Amino acid sequence: MTYRKSPQKAAARREWDRFVSSNQPVIASTGLPDSIFSSIDHFDNFLSHGCLDHHLDPRSFRVEALNSTQYDALVTLTESYFAAGYEWFTPVALRAADQENLAKRFAG
């Protein structure tokens, strides 16, 4: 018996890979570890907690480690993420003012 991904999971993976590829310059500007972009689940987890709370992260990277330029790139990337049609949730990793600005644009 072989294992096959469902068509929906395969399509979601291709969509995520396209998002990462098309946003590579801003991703590089964030200074975030590659592991955060290895899947949509990892990125969602990072935005939800400011770290990889539910996934293995040998570096124990936290959003607080970003300098102001990197943080601004993360805000830009997060805006692109929701603009690309990914489901809205409050990105707790971001400052309250940035959360509010994004909510005004993307929340329900």
N, C-alpha and C. Protein backbone atom coordinates (compact mmCIF):
# COMPACT_ATOMS: atom_id res chain seq x y z
N MET A 1 0.84 -1.17 0.00
CA MET A 1 0.00 0.00 0.00
C MET A 1 0.89 1.24 0.00
N THR A 2 0.58 2.16 -0.85
CA THR A 2 1.36 3.40 -0.90
C THR A 2 0.55 4.54 -0.30
N TYR A 3 1.28 5.50 0.20
CA TYR A 3 0.65 6.69 0.78
C TYR A 3 0.58 7.76 -0.28
N ARG A 4 -0.57 8.37 -0.42
CA ARG A 4 -0.75 9.47 -1.38
C ARG A 4 -1.36 10.66 -0.67
N LYS A 5 -0.87 11.81 -1.02
CA LYS A 5 -1.46 13.04 -0.49
C LYS A 5 -2.80 13.28 -1.18
N SER A 6 -3.72 13.84 -0.44
CA SER A 6 -4.99 14.21 -1.06
C SER A 6 -4.73 15.33 -2.06
N PRO A 7 -5.56 15.41 -3.08
CA PRO A 7 -5.39 16.50 -4.06
C PRO A 7 -5.43 17.88 -3.40
N GLN A 8 -6.27 18.04 -2.38
CA GLN A 8 -6.36 19.33 -1.70
C GLN A 8 -5.06 19.66 -0.96
N LYS A 9 -4.48 18.69 -0.30
CA LYS A 9 -3.22 18.93 0.41
C LYS A 9 -2.09 19.23 -0.57
N ALA A 10 -2.07 18.51 -1.67
CA ALA A 10 -1.04 18.76 -2.69
C ALA A 10 -1.20 20.15 -3.29
N ALA A 11 -2.43 20.56 -3.55
CA ALA A 11 -2.67 21.89 -4.11
C ALA A 11 -2.30 22.97 -3.10
N ALA A 12 -2.63 22.75 -1.83
CA ALA A 12 -2.28 23.72 -0.78
C ALA A 12 -0.76 23.84 -0.65
N ARG A 13 -0.06 22.72 -0.79
CA ARG A 13 1.40 22.76 -0.72
C ARG A 13 1.98 23.54 -1.88
N ARG A 14 1.47 23.32 -3.09
CA ARG A 14 1.94 24.06 -4.26
C ARG A 14 1.67 25.56 -4.09
N GLU A 15 0.49 25.89 -3.57
CA GLU A 15 0.14 27.30 -3.35
C GLU A 15 1.10 27.93 -2.33
N TRP A 16 1.41 27.20 -1.25
CA TRP A 16 2.34 27.71 -0.25
C TRP A 16 3.73 27.90 -0.86
N ASP A 17 4.19 26.93 -1.63
CA ASP A 17 5.51 27.03 -2.27
C ASP A 17 5.57 28.24 -3.21
N ARG A 18 4.48 28.51 -3.93
CA ARG A 18 4.42 29.69 -4.80
C ARG A 18 4.47 30.98 -3.98
N PHE A 19 3.74 31.00 -2.86
CA PHE A 19 3.76 32.19 -2.00
C PHE A 19 5.18 32.46 -1.50
N VAL A 20 5.84 31.43 -1.01
CA VAL A 20 7.20 31.58 -0.49
C VAL A 20 8.13 32.05 -1.61
N SER A 21 8.03 31.44 -2.76
CA SER A 21 8.89 31.80 -3.88
C SER A 21 8.67 33.25 -4.32
N SER A 22 7.42 33.66 -4.43
CA SER A 22 7.14 35.01 -4.91
C SER A 22 7.44 36.09 -3.87
N ASN A 23 7.59 35.70 -2.63
CA ASN A 23 7.89 36.65 -1.56
C ASN A 23 9.31 36.48 -1.02
N GLN A 24 10.17 35.81 -1.77
CA GLN A 24 11.51 35.50 -1.30
C GLN A 24 12.32 36.73 -0.87
N PRO A 25 12.28 37.83 -1.61
CA PRO A 25 13.07 39.00 -1.16
C PRO A 25 12.65 39.51 0.23
N VAL A 26 11.35 39.61 0.47
CA VAL A 26 10.91 40.09 1.79
C VAL A 26 11.16 39.03 2.86
N ILE A 27 11.03 37.75 2.51
CA ILE A 27 11.33 36.68 3.46
C ILE A 27 12.79 36.78 3.89
N ALA A 28 13.67 36.99 2.92
CA ALA A 28 15.09 37.13 3.26
C ALA A 28 15.32 38.34 4.17
N SER A 29 14.56 39.40 3.96
CA SER A 29 14.71 40.61 4.78
C SER A 29 14.25 40.42 6.22
N THR A 30 13.39 39.42 6.46
CA THR A 30 12.93 39.19 7.83
C THR A 30 14.00 38.61 8.72
N GLY A 31 14.95 37.88 8.13
CA GLY A 31 15.96 37.22 8.94
C GLY A 31 15.44 36.01 9.69
N LEU A 32 14.23 35.59 9.39
CA LEU A 32 13.65 34.42 10.06
C LEU A 32 14.30 33.13 9.56
N PRO A 33 14.41 32.14 10.44
CA PRO A 33 14.97 30.85 10.01
C PRO A 33 14.09 30.19 8.93
N ASP A 34 14.73 29.45 8.05
CA ASP A 34 14.00 28.75 6.98
C ASP A 34 12.92 27.83 7.51
N SER A 35 13.13 27.27 8.70
CA SER A 35 12.16 26.32 9.25
C SER A 35 10.77 26.95 9.42
N ILE A 36 10.71 28.23 9.61
CA ILE A 36 9.42 28.91 9.79
C ILE A 36 8.63 28.89 8.49
N PHE A 37 9.31 28.78 7.37
CA PHE A 37 8.65 28.79 6.06
C PHE A 37 8.53 27.39 5.45
N SER A 38 8.88 26.37 6.22
CA SER A 38 8.85 25.02 5.66
C SER A 38 7.44 24.54 5.36
N SER A 39 6.45 25.13 6.02
CA SER A 39 5.05 24.80 5.73
C SER A 39 4.16 25.93 6.22
N ILE A 40 2.95 25.92 5.72
CA ILE A 40 1.99 26.92 6.16
C ILE A 40 1.70 26.75 7.65
N ASP A 41 1.68 25.50 8.12
CA ASP A 41 1.45 25.25 9.55
C ASP A 41 2.53 25.90 10.40
N HIS A 42 3.79 25.81 9.95
CA HIS A 42 4.89 26.42 10.70
C HIS A 42 4.74 27.95 10.72
N PHE A 43 4.42 28.53 9.57
CA PHE A 43 4.29 29.98 9.50
C PHE A 43 3.11 30.46 10.35
N ASP A 44 1.98 29.78 10.24
CA ASP A 44 0.82 30.12 11.07
C ASP A 44 1.16 30.03 12.55
N ASN A 45 1.88 28.98 12.92
CA ASN A 45 2.27 28.78 14.31
C ASN A 45 3.17 29.92 14.78
N PHE A 46 4.10 30.33 13.94
CA PHE A 46 4.99 31.43 14.29
C PHE A 46 4.21 32.73 14.46
N LEU A 47 3.31 33.02 13.51
CA LEU A 47 2.51 34.25 13.62
C LEU A 47 1.58 34.21 14.84
N SER A 48 1.15 33.03 15.22
CA SER A 48 0.23 32.89 16.35
C SER A 48 0.92 33.03 17.70
N HIS A 49 2.21 32.69 17.76
CA HIS A 49 2.89 32.63 19.05
C HIS A 49 4.19 33.44 19.13
N GLY A 50 4.71 33.87 17.99
CA GLY A 50 5.99 34.57 18.00
C GLY A 50 7.18 33.64 18.08
N CYS A 51 6.90 32.35 17.98
CA CYS A 51 7.92 31.30 17.98
C CYS A 51 7.25 30.05 17.41
N LEU A 52 8.04 29.02 17.18
CA LEU A 52 7.45 27.75 16.76
C LEU A 52 7.05 26.99 18.01
N ASP A 53 5.87 27.27 18.47
CA ASP A 53 5.37 26.71 19.73
C ASP A 53 5.00 25.24 19.62
N HIS A 54 4.49 24.82 18.47
CA HIS A 54 4.01 23.46 18.29
C HIS A 54 4.88 22.64 17.33
N HIS A 55 6.05 23.14 17.02
CA HIS A 55 6.93 22.45 16.08
C HIS A 55 8.36 22.50 16.61
N LEU A 56 9.14 21.51 16.24
CA LEU A 56 10.53 21.44 16.65
C LEU A 56 11.31 22.62 16.06
N ASP A 57 12.02 23.32 16.91
CA ASP A 57 12.84 24.44 16.47
C ASP A 57 14.13 24.42 17.28
N PRO A 58 15.18 23.81 16.75
CA PRO A 58 16.43 23.70 17.49
C PRO A 58 17.03 25.05 17.90
N ARG A 59 16.69 26.11 17.14
CA ARG A 59 17.23 27.45 17.46
C ARG A 59 16.40 28.18 18.49
N SER A 60 15.19 27.70 18.76
CA SER A 60 14.27 28.38 19.69
C SER A 60 14.13 29.86 19.34
N PHE A 61 13.96 30.12 18.05
CA PHE A 61 13.89 31.49 17.56
C PHE A 61 12.60 32.16 18.03
N ARG A 62 12.70 33.41 18.43
CA ARG A 62 11.55 34.18 18.90
C ARG A 62 11.50 35.51 18.15
N VAL A 63 10.30 36.02 17.94
CA VAL A 63 10.11 37.27 17.20
C VAL A 63 10.87 38.42 17.85
N GLU A 64 11.06 38.38 19.15
CA GLU A 64 11.78 39.44 19.85
C GLU A 64 13.23 39.57 19.39
N ALA A 65 13.76 38.57 18.71
CA ALA A 65 15.14 38.61 18.23
C ALA A 65 15.29 39.48 16.98
N LEU A 66 14.17 39.89 16.37
CA LEU A 66 14.24 40.69 15.15
C LEU A 66 14.60 42.13 15.47
N ASN A 67 15.42 42.72 14.60
CA ASN A 67 15.67 44.16 14.72
C ASN A 67 14.50 44.89 14.05
N SER A 68 14.49 46.20 14.10
CA SER A 68 13.33 46.95 13.60
C SER A 68 13.12 46.76 12.09
N THR A 69 14.19 46.68 11.33
CA THR A 69 14.07 46.48 9.88
C THR A 69 13.49 45.09 9.59
N GLN A 70 13.97 44.09 10.29
CA GLN A 70 13.46 42.73 10.11
C GLN A 70 11.99 42.64 10.53
N TYR A 71 11.67 43.29 11.63
CA TYR A 71 10.28 43.28 12.10
C TYR A 71 9.36 43.93 11.05
N ASP A 72 9.77 45.05 10.51
CA ASP A 72 8.98 45.73 9.48
C ASP A 72 8.78 44.82 8.27
N ALA A 73 9.81 44.06 7.91
CA ALA A 73 9.68 43.11 6.79
C ALA A 73 8.68 42.01 7.15
N LEU A 74 8.67 41.58 8.41
CA LEU A 74 7.69 40.57 8.84
C LEU A 74 6.27 41.12 8.73
N VAL A 75 6.08 42.37 9.11
CA VAL A 75 4.75 42.99 8.98
C VAL A 75 4.34 43.03 7.51
N THR A 76 5.25 43.42 6.64
CA THR A 76 4.97 43.45 5.20
C THR A 76 4.64 42.06 4.68
N LEU A 77 5.39 41.07 5.11
CA LEU A 77 5.14 39.69 4.69
C LEU A 77 3.78 39.21 5.19
N THR A 78 3.45 39.54 6.41
CA THR A 78 2.16 39.13 6.97
C THR A 78 1.01 39.78 6.21
N GLU A 79 1.18 41.02 5.84
CA GLU A 79 0.17 41.70 5.01
C GLU A 79 0.03 40.98 3.67
N SER A 80 1.13 40.61 3.05
CA SER A 80 1.09 39.87 1.78
C SER A 80 0.41 38.52 1.94
N TYR A 81 0.65 37.90 3.07
CA TYR A 81 0.07 36.59 3.37
C TYR A 81 -1.46 36.67 3.38
N PHE A 82 -1.99 37.62 4.12
CA PHE A 82 -3.45 37.76 4.17
C PHE A 82 -4.00 38.28 2.85
N ALA A 83 -3.27 39.15 2.18
CA ALA A 83 -3.71 39.66 0.87
C ALA A 83 -3.76 38.54 -0.17
N ALA A 84 -2.95 37.50 0.02
CA ALA A 84 -2.94 36.37 -0.90
C ALA A 84 -4.14 35.45 -0.70
N GLY A 85 -4.95 35.76 0.33
CA GLY A 85 -6.18 34.99 0.54
C GLY A 85 -6.12 33.97 1.64
N TYR A 86 -5.02 33.93 2.38
CA TYR A 86 -4.96 33.01 3.50
C TYR A 86 -5.91 33.49 4.59
N GLU A 87 -6.51 32.55 5.29
CA GLU A 87 -7.55 32.85 6.26
C GLU A 87 -7.05 33.76 7.38
N TRP A 88 -7.83 34.78 7.69
CA TRP A 88 -7.48 35.74 8.72
C TRP A 88 -7.49 35.10 10.11
N PHE A 89 -6.50 35.43 10.88
CA PHE A 89 -6.45 35.20 12.32
C PHE A 89 -5.58 36.31 12.88
N THR A 90 -5.68 36.57 14.15
CA THR A 90 -4.89 37.63 14.75
C THR A 90 -3.45 37.17 14.88
N PRO A 91 -2.52 37.84 14.20
CA PRO A 91 -1.10 37.45 14.28
C PRO A 91 -0.47 38.00 15.57
N VAL A 92 -0.61 37.26 16.64
CA VAL A 92 -0.19 37.70 17.97
C VAL A 92 1.31 37.99 18.02
N ALA A 93 2.07 37.46 17.09
CA ALA A 93 3.51 37.73 17.06
C ALA A 93 3.80 39.21 16.78
N LEU A 94 2.84 39.90 16.21
CA LEU A 94 3.02 41.31 15.87
C LEU A 94 2.53 42.22 17.00
N ARG A 95 3.02 43.43 16.99
CA ARG A 95 2.60 44.42 17.98
C ARG A 95 1.11 44.73 17.81
N ALA A 96 0.48 45.17 18.90
CA ALA A 96 -0.96 45.42 18.90
C ALA A 96 -1.38 46.39 17.80
N ALA A 97 -0.63 47.45 17.58
CA ALA A 97 -0.98 48.42 16.54
C ALA A 97 -0.96 47.77 15.16
N ASP A 98 0.02 46.90 14.92
CA ASP A 98 0.10 46.23 13.63
C ASP A 98 -1.04 45.22 13.48
N GLN A 99 -1.39 44.55 14.57
CA GLN A 99 -2.54 43.63 14.54
C GLN A 99 -3.81 44.39 14.18
N GLU A 100 -4.00 45.55 14.80
CA GLU A 100 -5.19 46.37 14.55
C GLU A 100 -5.25 46.84 13.10
N ASN A 101 -4.13 47.30 12.58
CA ASN A 101 -4.09 47.75 11.18
C ASN A 101 -4.43 46.63 10.22
N LEU A 102 -3.90 45.45 10.47
CA LEU A 102 -4.21 44.31 9.61
C LEU A 102 -5.65 43.87 9.77
N ALA A 103 -6.16 43.91 10.99
CA ALA A 103 -7.57 43.51 11.22
C ALA A 103 -8.52 44.44 10.47
N LYS A 104 -8.22 45.72 10.45
CA LYS A 104 -9.07 46.67 9.73
C LYS A 104 -9.17 46.30 8.25
N ARG A 105 -8.10 45.76 7.74
CA ARG A 105 -8.06 45.44 6.31
C ARG A 105 -8.57 44.03 5.99
N PHE A 106 -8.28 43.06 6.87
CA PHE A 106 -8.54 41.66 6.50
C PHE A 106 -9.58 40.92 7.34
N ALA A 107 -9.89 41.41 8.52
CA ALA A 107 -10.84 40.68 9.37
C ALA A 107 -12.26 40.85 8.82
N GLY A 108 -12.98 39.78 8.86
CA GLY A 108 -14.29 39.60 8.43
C GLY A 108 -15.23 40.60 8.03
